C-alpha atoms as a PDB file:
ATOM      1  CA  MET A   1       0.009  -0.042  -0.031  1.00  0.00           C
ATOM      2  CA  LYS A   2       1.396   3.278  -1.177  1.00  0.00           C
ATOM      3  CA  PRO A   3       1.507   6.059   1.303  1.00  0.00           C
ATOM      4  CA  ARG A   4      -0.752   9.082   0.622  1.00  0.00           C
ATOM      5  CA  ARG A   5       0.741  12.119  -0.912  1.00  0.00           C
ATOM      6  CA  ASN A   6       0.463  15.292   0.985  1.00  0.00           C
ATOM      7  CA  ILE A   7      -1.548  18.000  -0.859  1.00  0.00           C
ATOM      8  CA  GLU A   8      -0.182  21.506  -0.649  1.00  0.00           C
ATOM      9  CA  ILE A   9      -2.951  24.123  -0.570  1.00  0.00           C
ATOM     10  CA  PHE A  10      -0.860  27.082  -1.833  1.00  0.00           C
ATOM     11  CA  SER A  11       0.686  25.443  -4.692  1.00  0.00           C
ATOM     12  CA  LEU A  12       2.100  27.137  -7.744  1.00  0.00           C
ATOM     13  CA  SER A  13      -0.990  26.405  -9.840  1.00  0.00           C
ATOM     14  CA  PHE A  14      -3.255  27.943  -7.232  1.00  0.00           C
ATOM     15  CA  LEU A  15      -1.183  31.019  -7.066  1.00  0.00           C
ATOM     16  CA  ASP A  16      -1.355  31.312 -10.866  1.00  0.00           C
ATOM     17  CA  CYS A  17      -5.161  31.284 -10.774  1.00  0.00           C
ATOM     18  CA  ILE A  18      -5.323  33.909  -8.020  1.00  0.00           C
ATOM     19  CA  CYS A  19      -2.843  36.158  -9.999  1.00  0.00           C
ATOM     20  CA  CYS A  20      -4.903  35.815 -13.253  1.00  0.00           C
ATOM     21  CA  GLY A  21      -8.085  36.662 -11.338  1.00  0.00           C
ATOM     22  CA  PHE A  22      -6.731  39.810  -9.832  1.00  0.00           C
ATOM     23  CA  GLY A  23      -5.219  40.813 -13.134  1.00  0.00           C
ATOM     24  CA  ALA A  24      -8.588  40.406 -14.780  1.00  0.00           C
ATOM     25  CA  LEU A  25     -10.323  42.594 -12.218  1.00  0.00           C
ATOM     26  CA  ILE A  26      -7.712  45.277 -12.544  1.00  0.00           C
ATOM     27  CA  LEU A  27      -8.048  45.241 -16.380  1.00  0.00           C
ATOM     28  CA  LEU A  28     -11.850  45.595 -16.035  1.00  0.00           C
ATOM     29  CA  LEU A  29     -11.389  48.543 -13.661  1.00  0.00           C
ATOM     30  CA  VAL A  30      -8.972  50.281 -16.013  1.00  0.00           C
ATOM     31  CA  LEU A  31     -11.362  49.780 -18.976  1.00  0.00           C
ATOM     32  CA  SER A  32     -14.340  51.055 -17.124  1.00  0.00           C
ATOM     33  CA  LYS A  33     -12.615  54.120 -15.806  1.00  0.00           C
ATOM     34  CA  THR A  34     -11.308  54.975 -19.367  1.00  0.00           C
ATOM     35  CA  ALA A  35     -14.822  54.872 -20.876  1.00  0.00           C
ATOM     36  CA  GLU A  36     -16.614  56.750 -18.084  1.00  0.00           C
ATOM     37  CA  PRO A  37     -15.733  60.306 -19.278  1.00  0.00           C
ATOM     38  CA  VAL A  38     -16.863  59.472 -22.816  1.00  0.00           C
ATOM     39  CA  ILE A  39     -20.198  58.319 -21.443  1.00  0.00           C
ATOM     40  CA  PHE A  40     -20.639  61.374 -19.230  1.00  0.00           C
ATOM     41  CA  GLU A  41     -19.735  63.666 -22.167  1.00  0.00           C
ATOM     42  CA  GLN A  42     -22.260  62.085 -24.454  1.00  0.00           C
ATOM     43  CA  TYR A  43     -24.933  62.303 -21.836  1.00  0.00           C
ATOM     44  CA  SER A  44     -24.250  65.978 -21.206  1.00  0.00           C
ATOM     45  CA  GLU A  45     -24.515  66.695 -24.902  1.00  0.00           C
ATOM     46  CA  ASP A  46     -27.907  64.883 -25.109  1.00  0.00           C
ATOM     47  CA  LEU A  47     -29.107  66.826 -22.172  1.00  0.00           C
ATOM     48  CA  ASP A  48     -28.152  70.185 -23.716  1.00  0.00           C
ATOM     49  CA  GLN A  49     -29.831  69.214 -26.880  1.00  0.00           C
ATOM     50  CA  HIS A  50     -33.005  68.299 -24.937  1.00  0.00           C
ATOM     51  CA  VAL A  51     -32.981  71.689 -23.152  1.00  0.00           C
ATOM     52  CA  ALA A  52     -32.554  73.425 -26.519  1.00  0.00           C
ATOM     53  CA  ASP A  53     -35.521  71.555 -27.920  1.00  0.00           C
ATOM     54  CA  LEU A  54     -37.690  72.489 -24.875  1.00  0.00           C
ATOM     55  CA  GLU A  55     -36.732  76.140 -25.155  1.00  0.00           C
ATOM     56  CA  GLU A  56     -37.659  76.046 -28.889  1.00  0.00           C
ATOM     57  CA  GLN A  57     -41.020  74.502 -28.049  1.00  0.00           C
ATOM     58  CA  LEU A  58     -41.608  77.163 -25.310  1.00  0.00           C
ATOM     59  CA  THR A  59     -40.922  79.822 -27.928  1.00  0.00           C
ATOM     60  CA  GLU A  60     -43.415  78.315 -30.272  1.00  0.00           C
ATOM     61  CA  LEU A  61     -45.994  78.176 -27.468  1.00  0.00           C
ATOM     62  CA  HIS A  62     -45.481  81.860 -26.650  1.00  0.00           C
ATOM     63  CA  GLY A  63     -46.136  82.635 -30.275  1.00  0.00           C
ATOM     64  CA  GLN A  64     -49.202  80.514 -30.382  1.00  0.00           C
ATOM     65  CA  SER A  65     -50.407  82.343 -27.165  1.00  0.00           C
ATOM     66  CA  HIS A  66     -50.108  85.690 -28.768  1.00  0.00           C
ATOM     67  CA  VAL A  67     -51.991  84.470 -31.858  1.00  0.00           C
ATOM     68  CA  LEU A  68     -54.770  83.139 -29.604  1.00  0.00           C
ATOM     69  CA  ASN A  69     -54.982  86.294 -27.634  1.00  0.00           C
ATOM     70  CA  ARG A  70     -55.374  88.374 -30.758  1.00  0.00           C
ATOM     71  CA  GLU A  71     -58.051  85.862 -31.912  1.00  0.00           C
ATOM     72  CA  LEU A  72     -59.772  86.214 -28.575  1.00  0.00           C
ATOM     73  CA  VAL A  73     -59.848  90.059 -28.879  1.00  0.00           C
ATOM     74  CA  ARG A  74     -61.210  89.745 -32.377  1.00  0.00           C
ATOM     75  CA  LYS A  75     -64.018  87.420 -31.202  1.00  0.00           C
ATOM     76  CA  LYS A  76     -64.842  89.810 -28.317  1.00  0.00           C
ATOM     77  CA  GLN A  77     -65.159  92.613 -30.934  1.00  0.00           C
ATOM     78  CA  GLN A  78     -67.363  90.504 -33.074  1.00  0.00           C
ATOM     79  CA  VAL A  79     -69.552  89.675 -30.032  1.00  0.00           C
ATOM     80  CA  ALA A  80     -69.816  93.395 -29.212  1.00  0.00           C
ATOM     81  CA  LEU A  81     -70.873  94.090 -32.889  1.00  0.00           C
ATOM     82  CA  GLU A  82     -73.538  91.300 -32.628  1.00  0.00           C
ATOM     83  CA  ILE A  83     -74.852  92.766 -29.392  1.00  0.00           C
ATOM     84  CA  GLU A  84     -75.188  96.197 -31.029  1.00  0.00           C
ATOM     85  CA  LYS A  85     -76.934  94.632 -33.990  1.00  0.00           C
ATOM     86  CA  VAL A  86     -79.312  92.724 -31.684  1.00  0.00           C
ATOM     87  CA  ALA A  87     -80.080  96.064 -29.909  1.00  0.00           C
ATOM     88  CA  ARG A  88     -80.775  97.757 -33.240  1.00  0.00           C
ATOM     89  CA  LEU A  89     -83.106  95.007 -34.284  1.00  0.00           C
ATOM     90  CA  GLN A  90     -84.855  95.139 -30.845  1.00  0.00           C
ATOM     91  CA  GLY A  91     -85.331  98.869 -31.537  1.00  0.00           C
ATOM     92  CA  GLU A  92     -86.798  98.321 -34.960  1.00  0.00           C
ATOM     93  CA  LEU A  93     -89.125  95.658 -33.451  1.00  0.00           C
ATOM     94  CA  SER A  94     -90.224  98.191 -30.788  1.00  0.00           C
ATOM     95  CA  SER A  95     -90.807 100.738 -33.553  1.00  0.00           C
ATOM     96  CA  MET A  96     -93.022  98.320 -35.473  1.00  0.00           C
ATOM     97  CA  GLN A  97     -94.960  97.470 -32.272  1.00  0.00           C
ATOM     98  CA  SER A  98     -95.454 101.229 -31.733  1.00  0.00           C
ATOM     99  CA  ALA A  99     -96.478 101.845 -35.288  1.00  0.00           C
ATOM    100  CA  HIS A 100     -99.474 103.878 -34.237  1.00  0.00           C
ATOM    101  CA  LEU A 101     -97.096 106.397 -32.670  1.00  0.00           C
ATOM    102  CA  ALA A 102     -94.885 106.554 -35.724  1.00  0.00           C
ATOM    103  CA  SER A 103     -97.701 106.679 -38.230  1.00  0.00           C
ATOM    104  CA  ARG A 104     -97.239 110.410 -38.835  1.00  0.00           C
ATOM    105  CA  SER A 105     -96.373 111.254 -42.342  1.00  0.00           C
ATOM    106  CA  GLU A 106     -92.930 112.284 -43.469  1.00  0.00           C
ATOM    107  CA  ALA A 107     -94.225 115.769 -44.317  1.00  0.00           C
ATOM    108  CA  ALA A 108     -95.417 116.173 -40.705  1.00  0.00           C
ATOM    109  CA  VAL A 109     -92.037 115.152 -39.415  1.00  0.00           C
ATOM    110  CA  GLN A 110     -90.217 117.591 -41.594  1.00  0.00           C
ATOM    111  CA  ASN A 111     -92.427 120.637 -40.828  1.00  0.00           C
ATOM    112  CA  THR A 112     -91.853 122.892 -37.891  1.00  0.00           C
ATOM    113  CA  ILE A 113     -93.760 121.592 -34.852  1.00  0.00           C
ATOM    114  CA  GLU A 114     -94.345 123.705 -31.845  1.00  0.00           C
ATOM    115  CA  GLY A 115     -94.748 122.006 -28.535  1.00  0.00           C
ATOM    116  CA  GLN A 116     -98.191 121.805 -27.102  1.00  0.00           C
ATOM    117  CA  LEU A 117     -97.021 123.085 -23.751  1.00  0.00           C
ATOM    118  CA  ALA A 118     -95.306 126.234 -25.018  1.00  0.00           C
ATOM    119  CA  ARG A 119     -96.664 128.877 -22.821  1.00  0.00           C
ATOM    120  CA  ALA A 120     -98.268 132.093 -23.944  1.00  0.00           C
ATOM    121  CA  ARG A 121     -96.352 134.075 -21.543  1.00  0.00           C
ATOM    122  CA  GLN A 122     -92.721 133.149 -20.738  1.00  0.00           C
ATOM    123  CA  THR A 123     -91.391 135.624 -18.239  1.00  0.00           C
ATOM    124  CA  LEU A 124     -87.728 136.370 -17.914  1.00  0.00           C
ATOM    125  CA  SER A 125     -86.146 135.737 -14.533  1.00  0.00           C
ATOM    126  CA  ASP A 126     -84.969 138.651 -12.369  1.00  0.00           C
ATOM    127  CA  GLU A 127     -81.385 137.636 -12.870  1.00  0.00           C
ATOM    128  CA  MET A 128     -81.738 137.572 -16.632  1.00  0.00           C
ATOM    129  CA  ARG A 129     -83.263 141.071 -16.487  1.00  0.00           C
ATOM    130  CA  ARG A 130     -80.290 142.271 -14.501  1.00  0.00           C
ATOM    131  CA  LEU A 131     -77.765 140.730 -16.701  1.00  0.00           C
ATOM    132  CA  GLN A 132     -79.407 142.068 -19.819  1.00  0.00           C
ATOM    133  CA  SER A 133     -79.667 145.454 -18.321  1.00  0.00           C
ATOM    134  CA  ARG A 134     -76.015 145.555 -17.308  1.00  0.00           C
ATOM    135  CA  GLU A 135     -74.950 144.566 -20.874  1.00  0.00           C
ATOM    136  CA  SER A 136     -77.202 147.329 -22.291  1.00  0.00           C
ATOM    137  CA  LEU A 137     -79.114 144.559 -24.276  1.00  0.00           C
ATOM    138  CA  PRO A 138     -82.767 145.071 -25.157  1.00  0.00           C
ATOM    139  CA  LEU A 139     -85.216 143.014 -23.060  1.00  0.00           C
ATOM    140  CA  ARG A 140     -87.326 140.563 -24.824  1.00  0.00           C
ATOM    141  CA  PRO A 141     -91.083 140.824 -24.392  1.00  0.00           C
ATOM    142  CA  GLN A 142     -92.405 138.840 -21.531  1.00  0.00           C
ATOM    143  CA  ASP A 143     -94.044 136.286 -23.768  1.00  0.00           C
ATOM    144  CA  ALA A 144     -90.805 135.926 -25.909  1.00  0.00           C
ATOM    145  CA  THR A 145     -90.426 132.759 -27.855  1.00  0.00           C
ATOM    146  CA  ILE A 146     -88.310 131.968 -30.861  1.00  0.00           C
ATOM    147  CA  ALA A 147     -89.918 129.508 -33.446  1.00  0.00           C
ATOM    148  CA  GLY A 148     -92.165 128.519 -30.525  1.00  0.00           C
ATOM    149  CA  ILE A 149     -89.224 127.807 -28.156  1.00  0.00           C
ATOM    150  CA  PRO A 150     -89.304 129.603 -24.819  1.00  0.00           C
ATOM    151  CA  VAL A 151     -86.032 131.442 -24.066  1.00  0.00           C
ATOM    152  CA  ASP A 152     -86.474 132.205 -20.373  1.00  0.00           C
ATOM    153  CA  SER A 153     -83.759 129.763 -19.029  1.00  0.00           C
ATOM    154  CA  GLU A 154     -80.669 130.970 -17.250  1.00  0.00           C
ATOM    155  CA  TYR A 155     -78.531 128.028 -18.178  1.00  0.00           C
ATOM    156  CA  ILE A 156     -78.502 126.012 -21.510  1.00  0.00           C
ATOM    157  CA  ILE A 157     -77.008 122.578 -22.390  1.00  0.00           C
ATOM    158  CA  PHE A 158     -76.529 121.196 -25.988  1.00  0.00           C
ATOM    159  CA  ILE A 159     -76.712 117.470 -26.592  1.00  0.00           C
ATOM    160  CA  ILE A 160     -75.481 116.962 -30.095  1.00  0.00           C
ATOM    161  CA  ASP A 161     -75.561 113.681 -32.062  1.00  0.00           C
ATOM    162  CA  THR A 162     -72.046 113.002 -33.488  1.00  0.00           C
ATOM    163  CA  SER A 163     -72.846 109.873 -35.371  1.00  0.00           C
ATOM    164  CA  GLY A 164     -71.509 109.255 -38.796  1.00  0.00           C
ATOM    165  CA  SER A 165     -74.734 110.356 -40.590  1.00  0.00           C
ATOM    166  CA  MET A 166     -74.886 113.701 -38.697  1.00  0.00           C
ATOM    167  CA  LEU A 167     -71.163 114.348 -39.353  1.00  0.00           C
ATOM    168  CA  THR A 168     -71.467 113.497 -43.055  1.00  0.00           C
ATOM    169  CA  TYR A 169     -74.771 115.013 -43.957  1.00  0.00           C
ATOM    170  CA  GLY A 170     -76.073 117.401 -41.267  1.00  0.00           C
ATOM    171  CA  TRP A 171     -73.013 118.881 -39.515  1.00  0.00           C
ATOM    172  CA  GLN A 172     -72.836 122.265 -41.387  1.00  0.00           C
ATOM    173  CA  LEU A 173     -76.585 122.687 -40.543  1.00  0.00           C
ATOM    174  CA  ALA A 174     -76.029 121.705 -36.980  1.00  0.00           C
ATOM    175  CA  GLU A 175     -73.353 124.374 -36.642  1.00  0.00           C
ATOM    176  CA  GLN A 176     -75.786 126.992 -38.008  1.00  0.00           C
ATOM    177  CA  LYS A 177     -78.476 125.991 -35.581  1.00  0.00           C
ATOM    178  CA  LEU A 178     -76.124 126.095 -32.683  1.00  0.00           C
ATOM    179  CA  THR A 179     -75.173 129.652 -33.632  1.00  0.00           C
ATOM    180  CA  GLU A 180     -78.903 130.642 -33.882  1.00  0.00           C
ATOM    181  CA  VAL A 181     -79.752 129.128 -30.487  1.00  0.00           C
ATOM    182  CA  LEU A 182     -76.809 130.941 -28.823  1.00  0.00           C
ATOM    183  CA  ASP A 183     -77.852 134.167 -30.481  1.00  0.00           C
ATOM    184  CA  ALA A 184     -81.287 133.661 -29.017  1.00  0.00           C
ATOM    185  CA  TYR A 185     -79.780 133.777 -25.508  1.00  0.00           C
ATOM    186  CA  PRO A 186     -77.657 137.078 -25.438  1.00  0.00           C
ATOM    187  CA  ARG A 187     -76.398 136.317 -21.992  1.00  0.00           C
ATOM    188  CA  VAL A 188     -76.906 133.326 -19.631  1.00  0.00           C
ATOM    189  CA  LYS A 189     -75.261 132.298 -16.343  1.00  0.00           C
ATOM    190  CA  GLY A 190     -73.640 129.211 -17.880  1.00  0.00           C
ATOM    191  CA  LEU A 191     -73.709 126.822 -20.764  1.00  0.00           C
ATOM    192  CA  GLN A 192     -72.460 123.310 -21.594  1.00  0.00           C
ATOM    193  CA  VAL A 193     -72.003 121.153 -24.688  1.00  0.00           C
ATOM    194  CA  MET A 194     -72.098 117.353 -24.721  1.00  0.00           C
ATOM    195  CA  ASN A 195     -72.541 114.678 -27.326  1.00  0.00           C
ATOM    196  CA  ASP A 196     -75.330 112.048 -27.358  1.00  0.00           C
ATOM    197  CA  MET A 197     -73.161 109.727 -25.319  1.00  0.00           C
ATOM    198  CA  GLY A 198     -72.622 112.330 -22.524  1.00  0.00           C
ATOM    199  CA  GLU A 199     -69.081 113.170 -23.562  1.00  0.00           C
ATOM    200  CA  TYR A 200     -68.079 116.834 -22.945  1.00  0.00           C
ATOM    201  CA  MET A 201     -66.921 119.105 -25.754  1.00  0.00           C
ATOM    202  CA  PHE A 202     -64.446 120.607 -23.166  1.00  0.00           C
ATOM    203  CA  ARG A 203     -63.220 117.977 -20.800  1.00  0.00           C
ATOM    204  CA  GLN A 204     -61.834 120.647 -18.412  1.00  0.00           C
ATOM    205  CA  TYR A 205     -65.319 121.811 -17.746  1.00  0.00           C
ATOM    206  CA  ALA A 206     -66.678 118.352 -17.140  1.00  0.00           C
ATOM    207  CA  GLY A 207     -69.495 118.371 -14.507  1.00  0.00           C
ATOM    208  CA  ARG A 208     -69.507 122.154 -14.328  1.00  0.00           C
ATOM    209  CA  TRP A 209     -70.807 125.064 -16.177  1.00  0.00           C
ATOM    210  CA  ILE A 210     -68.875 126.903 -18.977  1.00  0.00           C
ATOM    211  CA  PRO A 211     -68.770 130.666 -18.270  1.00  0.00           C
ATOM    212  CA  ASP A 212     -70.750 132.621 -20.832  1.00  0.00           C
ATOM    213  CA  THR A 213     -68.323 134.962 -22.386  1.00  0.00           C
ATOM    214  CA  PRO A 214     -67.797 136.079 -26.048  1.00  0.00           C
ATOM    215  CA  ALA A 215     -64.494 134.151 -26.113  1.00  0.00           C
ATOM    216  CA  ARG A 216     -66.112 130.980 -24.760  1.00  0.00           C
ATOM    217  CA  ARG A 217     -68.936 131.156 -27.292  1.00  0.00           C
ATOM    218  CA  LYS A 218     -66.396 131.664 -30.077  1.00  0.00           C
ATOM    219  CA  ALA A 219     -64.350 128.593 -28.653  1.00  0.00           C
ATOM    220  CA  VAL A 220     -67.528 126.452 -28.753  1.00  0.00           C
ATOM    221  CA  LEU A 221     -68.346 127.318 -32.353  1.00  0.00           C
ATOM    222  CA  GLU A 222     -64.758 126.713 -33.508  1.00  0.00           C
ATOM    223  CA  ARG A 223     -64.541 123.407 -31.657  1.00  0.00           C
ATOM    224  CA  MET A 224     -67.745 122.339 -33.223  1.00  0.00           C
ATOM    225  CA  ARG A 225     -66.139 122.248 -36.623  1.00  0.00           C
ATOM    226  CA  SER A 226     -63.731 119.384 -35.731  1.00  0.00           C
ATOM    227  CA  TRP A 227     -65.517 117.692 -32.807  1.00  0.00           C
ATOM    228  CA  GLN A 228     -66.009 113.986 -33.650  1.00  0.00           C
ATOM    229  CA  PRO A 229     -66.433 111.800 -30.509  1.00  0.00           C
ATOM    230  CA  PHE A 230     -67.905 108.331 -30.724  1.00  0.00           C
ATOM    231  CA  SER A 231     -71.802 108.126 -30.902  1.00  0.00           C
ATOM    232  CA  ASN A 232     -74.274 105.147 -30.964  1.00  0.00           C
ATOM    233  CA  SER A 233     -77.017 107.161 -32.677  1.00  0.00           C
ATOM    234  CA  SER A 234     -79.108 107.514 -29.538  1.00  0.00           C
ATOM    235  CA  PRO A 235     -79.566 110.795 -27.514  1.00  0.00           C
ATOM    236  CA  VAL A 236     -80.750 109.036 -24.352  1.00  0.00           C
ATOM    237  CA  GLU A 237     -77.381 108.683 -22.635  1.00  0.00           C
ATOM    238  CA  GLY A 238     -76.584 112.436 -23.145  1.00  0.00           C
ATOM    239  CA  ILE A 239     -79.972 113.590 -22.005  1.00  0.00           C
ATOM    240  CA  THR A 240     -79.926 111.540 -18.831  1.00  0.00           C
ATOM    241  CA  ALA A 241     -76.336 112.434 -18.000  1.00  0.00           C
ATOM    242  CA  ALA A 242     -76.993 116.178 -18.416  1.00  0.00           C
ATOM    243  CA  ILE A 243     -80.072 116.080 -16.209  1.00  0.00           C
ATOM    244  CA  GLN A 244     -78.508 114.045 -13.416  1.00  0.00           C
ATOM    245  CA  THR A 245     -75.399 116.212 -13.397  1.00  0.00           C
ATOM    246  CA  PHE A 246     -76.811 119.678 -13.633  1.00  0.00           C
ATOM    247  CA  HIS A 247     -80.387 119.466 -12.295  1.00  0.00           C
ATOM    248  CA  ALA A 248     -80.858 121.855  -9.462  1.00  0.00           C
ATOM    249  CA  ASP A 249     -83.980 123.268  -7.773  1.00  0.00           C
ATOM    250  CA  ASP A 250     -82.583 126.860  -7.888  1.00  0.00           C
ATOM    251  CA  LYS A 251     -81.671 126.873 -11.624  1.00  0.00           C
ATOM    252  CA  LYS A 252     -83.763 127.214 -14.746  1.00  0.00           C
ATOM    253  CA  ILE A 253     -82.152 125.041 -17.487  1.00  0.00           C
ATOM    254  CA  SER A 254     -82.964 124.423 -21.086  1.00  0.00           C
ATOM    255  CA  LEU A 255     -81.610 121.384 -22.855  1.00  0.00           C
ATOM    256  CA  TYR A 256     -81.292 121.431 -26.604  1.00  0.00           C
ATOM    257  CA  VAL A 257     -81.058 118.061 -28.426  1.00  0.00           C
ATOM    258  CA  PHE A 258     -79.750 118.030 -32.011  1.00  0.00           C
ATOM    259  CA  GLY A 259     -80.117 114.634 -33.750  1.00  0.00           C
ATOM    260  CA  ASP A 260     -81.381 112.517 -36.684  1.00  0.00           C
ATOM    261  CA  GLU A 261     -82.134 109.116 -35.352  1.00  0.00           C
ATOM    262  CA  PHE A 262     -82.959 106.935 -32.242  1.00  0.00           C
ATOM    263  CA  THR A 263     -81.606 103.339 -32.245  1.00  0.00           C
ATOM    264  CA  GLY A 264     -82.610 102.506 -28.672  1.00  0.00           C
ATOM    265  CA  PRO A 265     -84.940  99.679 -27.805  1.00  0.00           C
ATOM    266  CA  SER A 266     -87.942 101.437 -26.281  1.00  0.00           C
ATOM    267  CA  ILE A 267     -89.429 104.893 -26.551  1.00  0.00           C
ATOM    268  CA  GLN A 268     -91.694 104.392 -23.503  1.00  0.00           C
ATOM    269  CA  ALA A 269     -88.760 103.352 -21.335  1.00  0.00           C
ATOM    270  CA  VAL A 270     -86.991 106.556 -22.137  1.00  0.00           C
ATOM    271  CA  LEU A 271     -90.069 108.683 -21.280  1.00  0.00           C
ATOM    272  CA  ARG A 272     -90.327 106.890 -17.907  1.00  0.00           C
ATOM    273  CA  GLU A 273     -86.632 107.285 -17.153  1.00  0.00           C
ATOM    274  CA  VAL A 274     -86.470 111.056 -17.955  1.00  0.00           C
ATOM    275  CA  ASN A 275     -89.663 111.659 -16.057  1.00  0.00           C
ATOM    276  CA  ALA A 276     -88.190 109.977 -12.956  1.00  0.00           C
ATOM    277  CA  ILE A 277     -85.120 112.225 -12.986  1.00  0.00           C
ATOM    278  CA  ASN A 278     -86.699 115.515 -14.058  1.00  0.00           C
ATOM    279  CA  ARG A 279     -89.630 115.634 -11.653  1.00  0.00           C
ATOM    280  CA  LYS A 280     -91.921 118.617 -11.264  1.00  0.00           C
ATOM    281  CA  ASP A 281     -91.393 121.067  -8.510  1.00  0.00           C
ATOM    282  CA  VAL A 282     -93.906 122.195  -5.998  1.00  0.00           C
ATOM    283  CA  HIS A 283     -95.428 124.638  -8.594  1.00  0.00           C
ATOM    284  CA  GLY A 284     -95.823 121.848 -11.100  1.00  0.00           C
ATOM    285  CA  ASN A 285     -92.954 122.988 -13.350  1.00  0.00           C
ATOM    286  CA  ARG A 286     -90.015 120.976 -14.661  1.00  0.00           C
ATOM    287  CA  ARG A 287     -86.650 122.466 -13.687  1.00  0.00           C
ATOM    288  CA  VAL A 288     -85.119 121.276 -17.022  1.00  0.00           C
ATOM    289  CA  ARG A 289     -86.894 122.068 -20.261  1.00  0.00           C
ATOM    290  CA  ILE A 290     -86.154 119.727 -23.070  1.00  0.00           C
ATOM    291  CA  HIS A 291     -86.174 121.096 -26.689  1.00  0.00           C
ATOM    292  CA  ALA A 292     -85.118 119.211 -29.750  1.00  0.00           C
ATOM    293  CA  VAL A 293     -84.215 119.968 -33.363  1.00  0.00           C
ATOM    294  CA  GLY A 294     -84.646 117.004 -35.842  1.00  0.00           C
ATOM    295  CA  PHE A 295     -82.358 116.824 -38.794  1.00  0.00           C
ATOM    296  CA  PRO A 296     -84.083 115.025 -41.740  1.00  0.00           C
ATOM    297  CA  VAL A 297     -80.887 113.044 -42.651  1.00  0.00           C
ATOM    298  CA  GLN A 298     -82.526 109.669 -42.595  1.00  0.00           C
ATOM    299  CA  PHE A 299     -85.301 110.732 -44.945  1.00  0.00           C
ATOM    300  CA  ALA A 300     -82.857 110.901 -47.829  1.00  0.00           C
ATOM    301  CA  ARG A 301     -82.852 107.107 -47.720  1.00  0.00           C
ATOM    302  CA  PRO A 302     -85.475 104.701 -49.121  1.00  0.00           C
ATOM    303  CA  GLU A 303     -88.625 104.604 -47.170  1.00  0.00           C
ATOM    304  CA  ASP A 304     -87.943 101.160 -45.545  1.00  0.00           C
ATOM    305  CA  GLU A 305     -84.721 102.550 -44.093  1.00  0.00           C
ATOM    306  CA  GLN A 306     -86.217 105.611 -42.463  1.00  0.00           C
ATOM    307  CA  VAL A 307     -87.308 103.791 -39.275  1.00  0.00           C
ATOM    308  CA  THR A 308     -84.684 105.248 -36.968  1.00  0.00           C
ATOM    309  CA  GLY A 309     -85.445 108.786 -38.190  1.00  0.00           C
ATOM    310  CA  VAL A 310     -89.131 108.377 -37.522  1.00  0.00           C
ATOM    311  CA  ARG A 311     -88.461 107.005 -34.136  1.00  0.00           C
ATOM    312  CA  PHE A 312     -86.199 109.887 -33.178  1.00  0.00           C
ATOM    313  CA  ALA A 313     -89.037 112.356 -34.127  1.00  0.00           C
ATOM    314  CA  THR A 314     -91.559 110.294 -32.283  1.00  0.00           C
ATOM    315  CA  LEU A 315     -89.326 110.121 -29.103  1.00  0.00           C
ATOM    316  CA  MET A 316     -88.337 113.765 -29.073  1.00  0.00           C
ATOM    317  CA  ARG A 317     -91.831 115.049 -29.837  1.00  0.00           C
ATOM    318  CA  ALA A 318     -93.256 113.132 -26.822  1.00  0.00           C
ATOM    319  CA  LEU A 319     -90.231 113.979 -24.662  1.00  0.00           C
ATOM    320  CA  CYS A 320     -90.436 117.657 -25.398  1.00  0.00           C
ATOM    321  CA  GLU A 321     -94.098 117.653 -24.696  1.00  0.00           C
ATOM    322  CA  GLN A 322     -93.544 115.867 -21.416  1.00  0.00           C
ATOM    323  CA  ASN A 323     -90.754 118.294 -20.300  1.00  0.00           C
ATOM    324  CA  GLU A 324     -92.306 121.641 -21.268  1.00  0.00           C
ATOM    325  CA  GLY A 325     -90.216 122.016 -24.385  1.00  0.00           C
ATOM    326  CA  THR A 326     -90.579 122.170 -28.134  1.00  0.00           C
ATOM    327  CA  PHE A 327     -89.714 119.901 -30.959  1.00  0.00           C
ATOM    328  CA  ILE A 328     -88.741 121.332 -34.349  1.00  0.00           C
ATOM    329  CA  GLY A 329     -88.434 119.102 -37.418  1.00  0.00           C
ATOM    330  CA  LEU A 330     -86.315 120.657 -40.205  1.00  0.00           C
ATOM    331  CA  ALA A 331     -87.590 120.415 -43.663  1.00  0.00           C
ATOM    332  CA  SER A 332     -84.265 120.215 -45.324  1.00  0.00           C
ATOM    333  CA  ILE A 333     -80.578 119.439 -44.415  1.00  0.00           C
ATOM    334  CA  THR A 334     -79.403 122.358 -46.658  1.00  0.00           C
ATOM    335  CA  PRO A 335     -78.204 125.371 -44.503  1.00  0.00           C
END
């Protein structure tokens, strides 16, 4: 029996295997460390490109946002135009429903109409007497009227339609009528000029009276030639604004409305509103007289397009009668 051979654990072969294993590990580490910067660099470049793409998308979104905002503004403008169109159609419907009020012939609208409540005797106030005496101006007779319009007021307000139709066809005549009315009042305590939307001719005098001086009157007539504020072709806003702002128990005021059409929805609603804000005093008199001059601009159109002109005449005739004034319908737009 052969004796067993002793096995050496740390033999040369074992050491060779160990060395080879360690060498392989070191080689792997060296290779991985060498490739790592390349990988990081590539990843950084990809990230930069991604950021650039996102920034480009953000710029595109901003551009689209501006386009959408402009589109939204355009849509809002279209909606406003549609609302205005609906209001105009409602006004025409109301006019048709009130046909019995608007059945007056065109000839009757174009003729001069004196208000039924024009008084036989219109006395001048003591203050007006004093002012006229001081200026050495002749006193008007106590029953003085001009074309049926009482001229006993101490303050006057003009409400002038500045719509396109008036500016284009009736403005020269409006300037002439403004001059004539001013001449009918040689001296007053104060005056004011607004358009049919309630916008003041002179904003520095907004909410207060313009002093009545020759220079101020000249300035009003000169400003009239180039005055073109926005108008919705309805005198209601200007009338109500004037009464609410200047109505006073201690003042006698005349309001003159120059216009050619009424596009509002209801005549009766306007009469009720004005009656509520221009109530009678203890003596049964209105503190603000309302006079109107109708310009026959709309009657140059075909008959089926004259509705707003007829409605203006109907409204102002009733409004002047209710507020102790006079409505005058001009027969021609030629000065």
